[in-house]
Structures are given as structure tokens and as C-alpha cells.
């Protein structure tokens, strides 16, 4: 499965259960470890965990591998490692504090909106 296909699966999984402020950052030129970071917000510990679980489930259903998941116990920030894509699901305050978009160069490849994903 290529990165674009995996990216679509991740975004759709996040949107399925109302993930907010989804952004995709292309990191291919910044690190050899992964090609994309997907960042999304959930409004509560429970929603953050549910968003991460849905990503895991949809990726596995598509036949791809989930390498690891971190942070499920707390639920404020859950990281899902898919190899080429690393998904960060965070509560808004945590996302604002760590500001990963700026940390990874501030260049956001895409801000996903419902209308865009519906056409994908």
C-alpha cells in the first residue's frame, strides 16, 4: 500500500468519528524515518482514544500494519505508528502546547476539510 492510500484511510478513519482540525505534514525531506505526520484533535480523553482505535482498525482492515500505539492510558495524546505515517491524536490544549506543526517546519501539506475528504 502506498503512502497516499494509507493517508486517505487514516483521514477517513479520523473523520468517521468526528476528528477535528486534521492536518497532514509531508516530512519526506526532513527525516528518513517516515513520510507523513497526520495530526488531529479530539475533545475528550475518550474521543482521543476512540479516534486512535478507529485508525488502527481501519488500517488493519485495509491490510496494512500498525507498528505501535503509545499514550492510550492517558488519552490526552495518542500516537499511532504506521511506518510511513505517524498519526498524532491530541486534545486541543496539548496540541497547542506542543505545536508539532511548527516543530516539523511549519509547512502543512494539507488541512483536511469534510468537503475535500468526501471527494476522495
N, C-alpha and C. Protein backbone atom coordinates (compact mmCIF):
# COMPACT_ATOMS: atom_id res chain seq x y z
N UNK A 1 0.84 -1.17 0.00
CA UNK A 1 0.00 0.00 0.00
C UNK A 1 0.89 1.24 0.00
N UNK A 2 0.60 2.19 -0.88
CA UNK A 2 1.43 3.38 -0.93
C UNK A 2 0.98 4.42 0.11
N UNK A 3 1.78 5.45 0.27
CA UNK A 3 1.55 6.45 1.31
C UNK A 3 0.23 7.19 1.08
N UNK A 4 -0.08 7.52 -0.15
CA UNK A 4 -1.33 8.25 -0.45
C UNK A 4 -2.55 7.44 -0.05
N UNK A 5 -2.54 6.15 -0.35
CA UNK A 5 -3.67 5.29 0.03
C UNK A 5 -3.80 5.20 1.54
N UNK A 6 -2.67 5.02 2.21
CA UNK A 6 -2.68 4.93 3.66
C UNK A 6 -3.16 6.25 4.28
N UNK A 7 -2.73 7.35 3.71
CA UNK A 7 -3.13 8.67 4.18
C UNK A 7 -4.66 8.84 4.10
N UNK A 8 -5.25 8.42 2.99
CA UNK A 8 -6.71 8.51 2.82
C UNK A 8 -7.44 7.66 3.85
N UNK A 9 -6.93 6.47 4.12
CA UNK A 9 -7.54 5.59 5.11
C UNK A 9 -7.51 6.26 6.49
N UNK A 10 -6.37 6.84 6.83
CA UNK A 10 -6.21 7.50 8.13
C UNK A 10 -7.17 8.67 8.26
N UNK A 11 -7.21 9.53 7.25
CA UNK A 11 -8.08 10.71 7.30
C UNK A 11 -9.54 10.29 7.40
N UNK A 12 -9.95 9.32 6.59
CA UNK A 12 -11.34 8.85 6.65
C UNK A 12 -11.67 8.26 8.02
N UNK A 13 -10.73 7.52 8.60
CA UNK A 13 -10.96 6.94 9.93
C UNK A 13 -11.13 8.03 10.98
N UNK A 14 -10.34 9.09 10.87
CA UNK A 14 -10.45 10.20 11.82
C UNK A 14 -11.77 10.94 11.63
N UNK A 15 -12.16 11.17 10.40
CA UNK A 15 -13.41 11.88 10.13
C UNK A 15 -14.64 11.05 10.49
N UNK A 16 -14.53 9.72 10.43
CA UNK A 16 -15.65 8.84 10.76
C UNK A 16 -16.23 9.14 12.13
N UNK A 17 -15.35 9.48 13.07
CA UNK A 17 -15.85 9.74 14.43
C UNK A 17 -15.48 11.14 14.89
N UNK A 18 -15.61 12.06 13.94
CA UNK A 18 -15.56 13.50 14.23
C UNK A 18 -14.23 14.04 14.73
N UNK A 19 -13.13 13.53 14.18
CA UNK A 19 -11.83 14.14 14.46
C UNK A 19 -11.81 15.55 13.90
N UNK A 20 -11.20 16.47 14.60
CA UNK A 20 -11.21 17.87 14.19
C UNK A 20 -9.81 18.36 13.81
N UNK A 21 -9.77 19.43 13.03
CA UNK A 21 -8.53 20.12 12.70
C UNK A 21 -7.44 19.15 12.21
N UNK A 22 -7.80 18.33 11.26
CA UNK A 22 -6.88 17.33 10.72
C UNK A 22 -5.89 18.03 9.78
N UNK A 23 -4.62 17.81 10.03
CA UNK A 23 -3.57 18.37 9.19
C UNK A 23 -2.58 17.28 8.82
N UNK A 24 -2.05 17.39 7.61
CA UNK A 24 -1.06 16.44 7.11
C UNK A 24 0.23 17.21 6.82
N UNK A 25 1.32 16.72 7.36
CA UNK A 25 2.63 17.35 7.15
C UNK A 25 3.52 16.37 6.40
N UNK A 26 4.07 16.81 5.28
CA UNK A 26 4.98 15.99 4.50
C UNK A 26 6.37 16.11 5.12
N UNK A 27 6.89 15.01 5.63
CA UNK A 27 8.20 15.01 6.30
C UNK A 27 9.25 14.24 5.50
N UNK A 28 8.94 13.89 4.26
CA UNK A 28 9.84 13.06 3.46
C UNK A 28 11.23 13.68 3.31
N UNK A 29 11.32 14.99 3.24
CA UNK A 29 12.62 15.65 3.09
C UNK A 29 13.27 16.00 4.42
N UNK A 30 12.54 15.78 5.50
CA UNK A 30 13.05 16.15 6.82
C UNK A 30 13.64 14.99 7.60
N UNK A 31 13.14 13.78 7.34
CA UNK A 31 13.59 12.60 8.07
C UNK A 31 13.41 11.36 7.21
N UNK A 32 14.31 10.40 7.33
CA UNK A 32 14.13 9.14 6.60
C UNK A 32 13.23 8.16 7.35
N UNK A 33 12.78 8.53 8.53
CA UNK A 33 12.01 7.61 9.37
C UNK A 33 10.56 7.43 8.93
N UNK A 34 9.93 8.48 8.43
CA UNK A 34 8.55 8.41 7.98
C UNK A 34 8.30 9.53 6.98
N UNK A 35 7.21 9.39 6.21
CA UNK A 35 6.94 10.35 5.14
C UNK A 35 5.87 11.38 5.47
N UNK A 36 4.99 11.06 6.38
CA UNK A 36 3.91 11.97 6.72
C UNK A 36 3.64 11.94 8.22
N UNK A 37 3.17 13.08 8.70
CA UNK A 37 2.59 13.17 10.04
C UNK A 37 1.16 13.62 9.83
N UNK A 38 0.23 12.95 10.48
CA UNK A 38 -1.16 13.37 10.48
C UNK A 38 -1.49 13.75 11.92
N UNK A 39 -2.03 14.96 12.08
CA UNK A 39 -2.38 15.47 13.41
C UNK A 39 -3.87 15.76 13.43
N UNK A 40 -4.54 15.33 14.50
CA UNK A 40 -5.97 15.58 14.64
C UNK A 40 -6.30 15.83 16.10
N UNK A 41 -7.43 16.47 16.33
CA UNK A 41 -7.88 16.76 17.70
C UNK A 41 -9.14 15.98 18.04
N UNK A 42 -9.23 15.60 19.30
CA UNK A 42 -10.44 15.05 19.88
C UNK A 42 -10.75 15.85 21.12
N UNK A 43 -12.02 15.94 21.49
CA UNK A 43 -12.44 16.84 22.56
C UNK A 43 -12.33 16.27 23.97
N UNK A 44 -12.10 14.97 24.09
CA UNK A 44 -12.01 14.36 25.42
C UNK A 44 -11.04 13.18 25.36
N UNK A 45 -10.64 12.69 26.53
CA UNK A 45 -9.78 11.50 26.57
C UNK A 45 -10.42 10.35 25.83
N UNK A 46 -11.70 10.19 26.05
CA UNK A 46 -12.41 9.09 25.43
C UNK A 46 -12.42 9.21 23.91
N UNK A 47 -12.68 10.42 23.39
CA UNK A 47 -12.71 10.60 21.95
C UNK A 47 -11.31 10.43 21.34
N UNK A 48 -10.28 10.94 22.01
CA UNK A 48 -8.91 10.77 21.50
C UNK A 48 -8.58 9.29 21.38
N UNK A 49 -8.90 8.52 22.40
CA UNK A 49 -8.64 7.06 22.35
C UNK A 49 -9.46 6.40 21.25
N UNK A 50 -10.72 6.81 21.11
CA UNK A 50 -11.59 6.23 20.08
C UNK A 50 -11.09 6.54 18.68
N UNK A 51 -10.63 7.77 18.47
CA UNK A 51 -10.07 8.14 17.17
C UNK A 51 -8.86 7.27 16.83
N UNK A 52 -7.97 7.11 17.80
CA UNK A 52 -6.77 6.29 17.57
C UNK A 52 -7.15 4.83 17.30
N UNK A 53 -8.09 4.29 18.05
CA UNK A 53 -8.54 2.90 17.83
C UNK A 53 -9.16 2.75 16.45
N UNK A 54 -9.94 3.74 16.02
CA UNK A 54 -10.56 3.66 14.70
C UNK A 54 -9.52 3.67 13.59
N UNK A 55 -8.49 4.49 13.75
CA UNK A 55 -7.39 4.49 12.78
C UNK A 55 -6.75 3.11 12.73
N UNK A 56 -6.45 2.54 13.88
CA UNK A 56 -5.85 1.20 13.92
C UNK A 56 -6.73 0.17 13.23
N UNK A 57 -8.02 0.19 13.55
CA UNK A 57 -8.95 -0.79 12.98
C UNK A 57 -9.04 -0.66 11.46
N UNK A 58 -9.19 0.56 10.97
CA UNK A 58 -9.35 0.77 9.52
C UNK A 58 -8.06 0.43 8.76
N UNK A 59 -6.93 0.73 9.34
CA UNK A 59 -5.66 0.40 8.70
C UNK A 59 -5.49 -1.13 8.62
N UNK A 60 -5.80 -1.81 9.70
CA UNK A 60 -5.70 -3.28 9.69
C UNK A 60 -6.69 -3.90 8.71
N UNK A 61 -7.92 -3.35 8.66
CA UNK A 61 -8.92 -3.85 7.72
C UNK A 61 -8.44 -3.72 6.28
N UNK A 62 -7.66 -2.68 6.00
CA UNK A 62 -7.14 -2.45 4.65
C UNK A 62 -5.92 -3.30 4.35
N UNK A 63 -5.45 -4.05 5.34
CA UNK A 63 -4.32 -4.96 5.13
C UNK A 63 -2.96 -4.37 5.45
N UNK A 64 -2.93 -3.18 6.03
CA UNK A 64 -1.65 -2.57 6.41
C UNK A 64 -1.36 -2.88 7.88
N UNK A 65 -0.15 -2.58 8.28
CA UNK A 65 0.31 -2.93 9.62
C UNK A 65 0.38 -1.71 10.53
N UNK A 66 -0.06 -1.90 11.77
CA UNK A 66 0.12 -0.90 12.82
C UNK A 66 1.33 -1.33 13.62
N UNK A 67 2.40 -0.51 13.58
CA UNK A 67 3.64 -0.90 14.26
C UNK A 67 3.54 -0.76 15.76
N UNK A 68 2.95 0.35 16.23
CA UNK A 68 2.78 0.52 17.67
C UNK A 68 1.82 1.67 17.96
N UNK A 69 1.37 1.70 19.19
CA UNK A 69 0.49 2.77 19.67
C UNK A 69 0.97 3.16 21.06
N UNK A 70 1.05 4.46 21.29
CA UNK A 70 1.51 4.97 22.59
C UNK A 70 0.53 6.00 23.12
N UNK A 71 0.36 6.05 24.44
CA UNK A 71 -0.42 7.09 25.08
C UNK A 71 -1.88 6.78 25.33
N UNK A 72 -2.29 5.57 25.07
CA UNK A 72 -3.70 5.23 25.25
C UNK A 72 -4.15 5.31 26.71
N UNK A 73 -3.26 5.09 27.63
CA UNK A 73 -3.64 5.13 29.04
C UNK A 73 -4.15 6.51 29.45
N UNK A 74 -3.42 7.55 29.06
CA UNK A 74 -3.82 8.90 29.43
C UNK A 74 -4.93 9.47 28.57
N UNK A 75 -4.82 9.27 27.28
CA UNK A 75 -5.85 9.73 26.37
C UNK A 75 -5.78 11.20 26.01
N UNK A 76 -4.75 11.90 26.46
CA UNK A 76 -4.60 13.30 26.06
C UNK A 76 -3.88 13.41 24.72
N UNK A 77 -2.97 12.46 24.46
CA UNK A 77 -2.19 12.44 23.22
C UNK A 77 -1.90 10.97 22.92
N UNK A 78 -2.43 10.48 21.82
CA UNK A 78 -2.18 9.10 21.41
C UNK A 78 -1.46 9.14 20.07
N UNK A 79 -0.36 8.40 20.00
CA UNK A 79 0.43 8.31 18.78
C UNK A 79 0.23 6.92 18.20
N UNK A 80 -0.07 6.87 16.89
CA UNK A 80 -0.22 5.60 16.19
C UNK A 80 0.85 5.57 15.09
N UNK A 81 1.78 4.62 15.19
CA UNK A 81 2.88 4.49 14.24
C UNK A 81 2.50 3.48 13.17
N UNK A 82 2.40 3.97 11.93
CA UNK A 82 2.05 3.12 10.80
C UNK A 82 3.23 2.91 9.86
N UNK A 83 4.42 3.26 10.33
CA UNK A 83 5.61 3.14 9.50
C UNK A 83 5.83 4.41 8.70
N UNK A 84 5.24 4.49 7.51
CA UNK A 84 5.40 5.67 6.65
C UNK A 84 4.61 6.87 7.15
N UNK A 85 3.61 6.63 7.99
CA UNK A 85 2.79 7.70 8.54
C UNK A 85 2.73 7.55 10.05
N UNK A 86 2.92 8.68 10.75
CA UNK A 86 2.76 8.71 12.19
C UNK A 86 1.55 9.61 12.49
N UNK A 87 0.58 9.07 13.20
CA UNK A 87 -0.66 9.78 13.50
C UNK A 87 -0.62 10.24 14.95
N UNK A 88 -0.86 11.53 15.15
CA UNK A 88 -0.95 12.12 16.49
C UNK A 88 -2.38 12.57 16.71
N UNK A 89 -3.05 12.00 17.70
CA UNK A 89 -4.40 12.43 18.05
C UNK A 89 -4.29 13.06 19.43
N UNK A 90 -4.71 14.33 19.53
CA UNK A 90 -4.47 15.10 20.75
C UNK A 90 -5.70 15.90 21.15
N UNK A 91 -5.75 16.22 22.43
CA UNK A 91 -6.72 17.20 22.87
C UNK A 91 -6.20 18.59 22.48
N UNK A 92 -7.07 19.55 22.23
CA UNK A 92 -6.64 20.86 21.74
C UNK A 92 -5.58 21.56 22.60
N UNK A 93 -5.66 21.50 23.90
CA UNK A 93 -4.68 22.17 24.77
C UNK A 93 -3.29 21.55 24.61
N UNK A 94 -3.24 20.24 24.49
CA UNK A 94 -1.96 19.54 24.31
C UNK A 94 -1.38 19.88 22.94
N UNK A 95 -2.24 19.89 21.94
CA UNK A 95 -1.78 20.22 20.59
C UNK A 95 -1.22 21.64 20.53
N UNK A 96 -1.91 22.55 21.16
CA UNK A 96 -1.45 23.94 21.18
C UNK A 96 -0.12 24.07 21.91
N UNK A 97 0.04 23.36 23.00
CA UNK A 97 1.26 23.45 23.81
C UNK A 97 2.48 22.91 23.04
N UNK A 98 2.34 21.75 22.42
CA UNK A 98 3.49 21.12 21.75
C UNK A 98 3.70 21.63 20.32
N UNK A 99 2.66 22.15 19.70
CA UNK A 99 2.75 22.80 18.39
C UNK A 99 3.63 22.01 17.40
N UNK A 100 3.25 20.79 17.11
CA UNK A 100 4.04 19.93 16.22
C UNK A 100 4.17 20.50 14.81
N UNK A 101 3.16 21.24 14.38
CA UNK A 101 3.23 21.83 13.05
C UNK A 101 4.46 22.72 12.91
N UNK A 102 4.72 23.53 13.90
CA UNK A 102 5.88 24.41 13.87
C UNK A 102 7.18 23.62 14.06
N UNK A 103 7.14 22.64 14.94
CA UNK A 103 8.31 21.82 15.20
C UNK A 103 8.81 21.12 13.93
N UNK A 104 7.89 20.67 13.08
CA UNK A 104 8.25 19.96 11.86
C UNK A 104 8.36 20.90 10.67
N UNK A 105 8.69 22.12 10.91
CA UNK A 105 8.98 23.03 9.81
C UNK A 105 7.88 24.00 9.47
N UNK A 106 6.73 23.87 10.12
CA UNK A 106 5.66 24.81 9.89
C UNK A 106 4.99 24.72 8.54
N UNK A 107 5.39 23.78 7.69
CA UNK A 107 4.81 23.68 6.36
C UNK A 107 3.79 22.54 6.34
N UNK A 108 2.55 22.91 6.41
CA UNK A 108 1.47 21.92 6.42
C UNK A 108 1.12 21.60 4.97
N UNK A 109 1.16 20.33 4.63
CA UNK A 109 0.84 19.89 3.28
C UNK A 109 -0.65 20.06 2.99
N UNK A 110 -1.49 19.71 3.96
CA UNK A 110 -2.93 19.79 3.73
C UNK A 110 -3.67 19.96 5.04
N UNK A 111 -4.66 20.81 5.00
CA UNK A 111 -5.63 20.91 6.08
C UNK A 111 -6.89 20.26 5.53
N UNK A 112 -7.30 19.21 6.16
CA UNK A 112 -8.40 18.41 5.62
C UNK A 112 -9.72 18.99 6.09
N UNK A 113 -10.61 19.12 5.14
CA UNK A 113 -11.98 19.56 5.43
C UNK A 113 -12.92 18.48 4.95
N UNK A 114 -14.11 18.41 5.52
CA UNK A 114 -15.08 17.38 5.16
C UNK A 114 -15.32 17.33 3.66
N UNK A 115 -15.49 18.47 3.01
CA UNK A 115 -15.79 18.50 1.58
C UNK A 115 -14.66 17.88 0.77
N UNK A 116 -13.42 18.10 1.17
CA UNK A 116 -12.28 17.55 0.45
C UNK A 116 -12.25 16.03 0.58
N UNK A 117 -12.43 15.54 1.80
CA UNK A 117 -12.37 14.11 2.04
C UNK A 117 -13.53 13.37 1.39
N UNK A 118 -14.69 14.02 1.30
CA UNK A 118 -15.85 13.36 0.70
C UNK A 118 -15.59 13.05 -0.78
N UNK A 119 -14.79 13.88 -1.45
CA UNK A 119 -14.49 13.64 -2.85
C UNK A 119 -13.37 12.65 -3.06
N UNK A 120 -12.68 12.30 -1.97
CA UNK A 120 -11.53 11.38 -2.10
C UNK A 120 -11.96 9.95 -2.21
